[in-house]
Amino acid sequence: MLLNGTGDVIDDYDYPATTEELIADCGEHTLELPNGSEQVCDVLDRIESETFETPEDARFAIYTAVSDKAVGRVGYSDRDPTPVGSPYSPDAVSF
């Protein structure tokens, strides 16, 4: 994910800051994601209103609220076995 200057704006912002304040002041910035892009206002609209004490808090909120455009393959994990009945499970093969 490329913050395209949003990180600098977040770092320079006066904290504590609310979600609404960040949307008003940083919302027009665009995040470049692997499968598209999103505006910061759309990302922050997904979370409940809260007060961020530090730039790191705001950054983590943005990281966790991006859509599936930020993920390579939705539902993919090379670490965990696929749960039974998952729509992402591979086709069964019989030998």
N, C-alpha and C. Protein backbone atom coordinates (compact mmCIF):
# COMPACT_ATOMS: atom_id res chain seq x y z
N MET A 1 0.85 -1.16 0.00
CA MET A 1 0.00 0.00 0.00
C MET A 1 0.90 1.23 0.00
N LEU A 2 0.60 2.16 -0.88
CA LEU A 2 1.32 3.42 -0.94
C LEU A 2 0.45 4.51 -0.37
N LEU A 3 0.97 5.22 0.63
CA LEU A 3 0.18 6.25 1.29
C LEU A 3 0.13 7.56 0.51
N ASN A 4 1.02 7.75 -0.48
CA ASN A 4 1.00 8.93 -1.36
C ASN A 4 0.88 10.25 -0.61
N GLY A 5 1.72 10.45 0.38
CA GLY A 5 1.73 11.69 1.14
C GLY A 5 0.81 11.71 2.33
N THR A 6 -0.09 10.74 2.42
CA THR A 6 -1.02 10.70 3.55
C THR A 6 -0.26 10.46 4.85
N GLY A 7 0.77 9.65 4.81
CA GLY A 7 1.57 9.38 6.01
C GLY A 7 2.18 10.63 6.59
N ASP A 8 2.68 11.52 5.73
CA ASP A 8 3.27 12.78 6.19
C ASP A 8 2.21 13.67 6.83
N VAL A 9 1.03 13.72 6.23
CA VAL A 9 -0.05 14.53 6.78
C VAL A 9 -0.47 13.99 8.14
N ILE A 10 -0.57 12.67 8.25
CA ILE A 10 -0.94 12.05 9.52
C ILE A 10 0.12 12.32 10.58
N ASP A 11 1.39 12.20 10.21
CA ASP A 11 2.48 12.42 11.16
C ASP A 11 2.52 13.87 11.66
N ASP A 12 2.19 14.82 10.79
CA ASP A 12 2.27 16.23 11.14
C ASP A 12 1.00 16.77 11.81
N TYR A 13 -0.04 15.95 11.89
CA TYR A 13 -1.31 16.38 12.46
C TYR A 13 -1.17 16.58 13.97
N ASP A 14 -1.98 17.47 14.55
CA ASP A 14 -1.98 17.69 16.00
C ASP A 14 -2.89 16.67 16.67
N TYR A 15 -2.34 15.92 17.61
CA TYR A 15 -3.09 14.88 18.32
C TYR A 15 -3.31 15.31 19.74
N PRO A 16 -4.41 14.84 20.35
CA PRO A 16 -5.38 13.86 19.88
C PRO A 16 -6.26 14.41 18.76
N ALA A 17 -6.73 13.50 17.92
CA ALA A 17 -7.59 13.86 16.79
C ALA A 17 -8.68 12.81 16.66
N THR A 18 -9.85 13.25 16.27
CA THR A 18 -10.97 12.32 16.09
C THR A 18 -11.00 11.81 14.64
N THR A 19 -11.76 10.78 14.44
CA THR A 19 -11.95 10.23 13.10
C THR A 19 -12.52 11.30 12.18
N GLU A 20 -13.49 12.05 12.65
CA GLU A 20 -14.13 13.08 11.84
C GLU A 20 -13.15 14.17 11.43
N GLU A 21 -12.25 14.56 12.35
CA GLU A 21 -11.25 15.58 12.03
C GLU A 21 -10.29 15.09 10.95
N LEU A 22 -9.87 13.85 11.06
CA LEU A 22 -8.97 13.30 10.04
C LEU A 22 -9.66 13.18 8.69
N ILE A 23 -10.93 12.80 8.70
CA ILE A 23 -11.67 12.72 7.44
C ILE A 23 -11.75 14.10 6.79
N ALA A 24 -12.03 15.12 7.59
CA ALA A 24 -12.17 16.47 7.06
C ALA A 24 -10.84 17.00 6.51
N ASP A 25 -9.74 16.68 7.18
CA ASP A 25 -8.45 17.26 6.79
C ASP A 25 -7.60 16.38 5.88
N CYS A 26 -7.80 15.06 5.93
CA CYS A 26 -6.96 14.14 5.14
C CYS A 26 -7.77 13.29 4.17
N GLY A 27 -9.07 13.42 4.19
CA GLY A 27 -9.95 12.53 3.43
C GLY A 27 -9.75 12.52 1.94
N GLU A 28 -9.24 13.62 1.36
CA GLU A 28 -9.09 13.68 -0.09
C GLU A 28 -7.85 12.93 -0.59
N HIS A 29 -6.99 12.51 0.32
CA HIS A 29 -5.78 11.78 -0.09
C HIS A 29 -6.15 10.39 -0.58
N THR A 30 -5.41 9.92 -1.56
CA THR A 30 -5.68 8.62 -2.17
C THR A 30 -4.61 7.62 -1.76
N LEU A 31 -5.05 6.43 -1.39
CA LEU A 31 -4.15 5.33 -1.08
C LEU A 31 -4.07 4.42 -2.30
N GLU A 32 -2.89 4.13 -2.76
CA GLU A 32 -2.70 3.21 -3.88
C GLU A 32 -2.59 1.79 -3.31
N LEU A 33 -3.49 0.92 -3.73
CA LEU A 33 -3.54 -0.45 -3.25
C LEU A 33 -3.18 -1.40 -4.38
N PRO A 34 -2.82 -2.65 -4.06
CA PRO A 34 -2.45 -3.59 -5.12
C PRO A 34 -3.52 -3.79 -6.18
N ASN A 35 -4.79 -3.69 -5.79
CA ASN A 35 -5.89 -3.93 -6.73
C ASN A 35 -6.78 -2.72 -6.91
N GLY A 36 -6.20 -1.54 -6.93
CA GLY A 36 -6.99 -0.32 -7.11
C GLY A 36 -6.53 0.78 -6.17
N SER A 37 -7.44 1.65 -5.83
CA SER A 37 -7.12 2.75 -4.92
C SER A 37 -8.37 3.11 -4.12
N GLU A 38 -8.16 3.82 -3.01
CA GLU A 38 -9.26 4.28 -2.17
C GLU A 38 -8.88 5.62 -1.58
N GLN A 39 -9.88 6.43 -1.32
CA GLN A 39 -9.63 7.68 -0.62
C GLN A 39 -9.67 7.43 0.88
N VAL A 40 -8.88 8.20 1.61
CA VAL A 40 -8.79 8.06 3.06
C VAL A 40 -10.16 8.26 3.71
N CYS A 41 -10.97 9.17 3.19
CA CYS A 41 -12.29 9.41 3.78
C CYS A 41 -13.15 8.15 3.72
N ASP A 42 -13.07 7.40 2.61
CA ASP A 42 -13.84 6.16 2.49
C ASP A 42 -13.35 5.10 3.46
N VAL A 43 -12.03 5.05 3.65
CA VAL A 43 -11.45 4.07 4.57
C VAL A 43 -11.86 4.38 6.01
N LEU A 44 -11.72 5.63 6.42
CA LEU A 44 -12.05 6.00 7.80
C LEU A 44 -13.54 5.96 8.08
N ASP A 45 -14.38 6.07 7.05
CA ASP A 45 -15.83 5.95 7.25
C ASP A 45 -16.23 4.55 7.71
N ARG A 46 -15.38 3.57 7.49
CA ARG A 46 -15.70 2.18 7.86
C ARG A 46 -15.54 1.90 9.34
N ILE A 47 -14.84 2.77 10.05
CA ILE A 47 -14.61 2.51 11.47
C ILE A 47 -15.48 3.43 12.32
N GLU A 48 -15.68 3.01 13.55
CA GLU A 48 -16.46 3.82 14.47
C GLU A 48 -15.69 5.08 14.83
N SER A 49 -16.40 6.08 15.24
CA SER A 49 -15.77 7.32 15.65
C SER A 49 -14.90 7.06 16.88
N GLU A 50 -13.66 7.49 16.80
CA GLU A 50 -12.76 7.33 17.93
C GLU A 50 -11.77 8.48 17.95
N THR A 51 -11.05 8.58 19.04
CA THR A 51 -10.03 9.61 19.18
C THR A 51 -8.66 8.94 19.12
N PHE A 52 -7.83 9.41 18.22
CA PHE A 52 -6.48 8.88 18.05
C PHE A 52 -5.52 9.72 18.87
N GLU A 53 -4.73 9.07 19.70
CA GLU A 53 -3.79 9.77 20.57
C GLU A 53 -2.46 10.05 19.88
N THR A 54 -2.08 9.22 18.92
CA THR A 54 -0.79 9.34 18.25
C THR A 54 -0.96 9.11 16.75
N PRO A 55 0.04 9.51 15.95
CA PRO A 55 -0.01 9.21 14.52
C PRO A 55 -0.06 7.70 14.25
N GLU A 56 0.60 6.92 15.09
CA GLU A 56 0.59 5.47 14.91
C GLU A 56 -0.82 4.91 15.04
N ASP A 57 -1.60 5.44 15.99
CA ASP A 57 -2.98 4.98 16.15
C ASP A 57 -3.79 5.24 14.88
N ALA A 58 -3.62 6.41 14.31
CA ALA A 58 -4.35 6.76 13.08
C ALA A 58 -3.89 5.88 11.92
N ARG A 59 -2.59 5.67 11.82
CA ARG A 59 -2.04 4.82 10.75
C ARG A 59 -2.59 3.40 10.84
N PHE A 60 -2.59 2.82 12.05
CA PHE A 60 -3.09 1.46 12.23
C PHE A 60 -4.57 1.37 11.90
N ALA A 61 -5.33 2.40 12.23
CA ALA A 61 -6.76 2.41 11.90
C ALA A 61 -6.95 2.37 10.39
N ILE A 62 -6.14 3.14 9.66
CA ILE A 62 -6.23 3.13 8.20
C ILE A 62 -5.83 1.78 7.64
N TYR A 63 -4.73 1.22 8.16
CA TYR A 63 -4.27 -0.09 7.68
C TYR A 63 -5.32 -1.17 7.87
N THR A 64 -6.04 -1.12 8.99
CA THR A 64 -7.00 -2.19 9.27
C THR A 64 -8.35 -1.97 8.59
N ALA A 65 -8.61 -0.76 8.10
CA ALA A 65 -9.93 -0.47 7.52
C ALA A 65 -9.95 -0.47 6.00
N VAL A 66 -8.80 -0.69 5.34
CA VAL A 66 -8.83 -0.72 3.88
C VAL A 66 -9.65 -1.91 3.40
N SER A 67 -10.18 -1.80 2.20
CA SER A 67 -11.02 -2.86 1.65
C SER A 67 -10.18 -4.02 1.14
N ASP A 68 -10.85 -4.99 0.53
CA ASP A 68 -10.14 -6.15 0.00
C ASP A 68 -9.31 -5.81 -1.24
N LYS A 69 -9.34 -4.54 -1.68
CA LYS A 69 -8.46 -4.11 -2.75
C LYS A 69 -6.99 -4.13 -2.30
N ALA A 70 -6.78 -4.18 -0.99
CA ALA A 70 -5.43 -4.19 -0.44
C ALA A 70 -4.87 -5.60 -0.29
N VAL A 71 -5.69 -6.60 -0.60
CA VAL A 71 -5.27 -7.98 -0.42
C VAL A 71 -5.03 -8.62 -1.78
N GLY A 72 -4.00 -9.43 -1.87
CA GLY A 72 -3.71 -10.11 -3.13
C GLY A 72 -4.85 -11.02 -3.53
N ARG A 73 -5.03 -12.11 -2.82
CA ARG A 73 -6.11 -13.06 -3.09
C ARG A 73 -6.97 -13.17 -1.84
N VAL A 74 -8.22 -12.80 -1.93
CA VAL A 74 -9.11 -12.83 -0.79
C VAL A 74 -9.26 -14.26 -0.29
N GLY A 75 -9.09 -14.44 1.02
CA GLY A 75 -9.26 -15.76 1.61
C GLY A 75 -8.04 -16.65 1.50
N TYR A 76 -6.96 -16.19 0.88
CA TYR A 76 -5.79 -17.02 0.67
C TYR A 76 -4.88 -16.99 1.89
N SER A 77 -4.38 -18.14 2.25
CA SER A 77 -3.36 -18.26 3.29
C SER A 77 -2.49 -19.44 2.94
N ASP A 78 -1.20 -19.24 2.95
CA ASP A 78 -0.31 -20.36 2.68
C ASP A 78 0.13 -21.02 3.98
N ARG A 79 -0.45 -20.61 5.09
CA ARG A 79 -0.05 -21.15 6.38
C ARG A 79 -1.10 -22.06 7.01
N ASP A 80 -2.34 -21.74 6.81
CA ASP A 80 -3.41 -22.48 7.46
C ASP A 80 -4.10 -23.41 6.47
N PRO A 81 -4.52 -24.58 6.94
CA PRO A 81 -5.30 -25.44 6.04
C PRO A 81 -6.65 -24.78 5.76
N THR A 82 -7.22 -25.05 4.61
CA THR A 82 -8.51 -24.49 4.24
C THR A 82 -9.59 -25.12 5.11
N PRO A 83 -10.43 -24.32 5.74
CA PRO A 83 -11.51 -24.87 6.57
C PRO A 83 -12.51 -25.66 5.73
N VAL A 84 -13.08 -26.67 6.32
CA VAL A 84 -14.07 -27.49 5.64
C VAL A 84 -15.25 -26.62 5.24
N GLY A 85 -15.69 -26.74 4.00
CA GLY A 85 -16.83 -26.00 3.50
C GLY A 85 -16.51 -24.60 3.02
N SER A 86 -15.24 -24.20 3.05
CA SER A 86 -14.86 -22.87 2.61
C SER A 86 -15.05 -22.74 1.09
N PRO A 87 -15.55 -21.59 0.63
CA PRO A 87 -15.68 -21.41 -0.82
C PRO A 87 -14.32 -21.29 -1.51
N TYR A 88 -13.26 -21.16 -0.74
CA TYR A 88 -11.91 -21.02 -1.30
C TYR A 88 -11.14 -22.34 -1.31
N SER A 89 -11.79 -23.41 -0.89
CA SER A 89 -11.09 -24.70 -0.84
C SER A 89 -10.88 -25.23 -2.27
N PRO A 90 -9.74 -25.91 -2.47
CA PRO A 90 -9.49 -26.46 -3.80
C PRO A 90 -10.43 -27.63 -4.10
N ASP A 91 -10.58 -27.93 -5.36
CA ASP A 91 -11.40 -29.08 -5.76
C ASP A 91 -10.75 -30.36 -5.25
N ALA A 92 -11.58 -31.27 -4.77
CA ALA A 92 -11.08 -32.55 -4.27
C ALA A 92 -10.56 -33.37 -5.44
N VAL A 93 -9.43 -34.04 -5.19
CA VAL A 93 -8.83 -34.88 -6.22
C VAL A 93 -8.72 -36.30 -5.67
N SER A 94 -9.15 -37.27 -6.43
CA SER A 94 -9.06 -38.67 -6.02
C SER A 94 -7.99 -39.37 -6.84
N PHE A 95 -7.17 -40.12 -6.16
CA PHE A 95 -6.08 -40.85 -6.87
C PHE A 95 -6.43 -42.29 -7.03
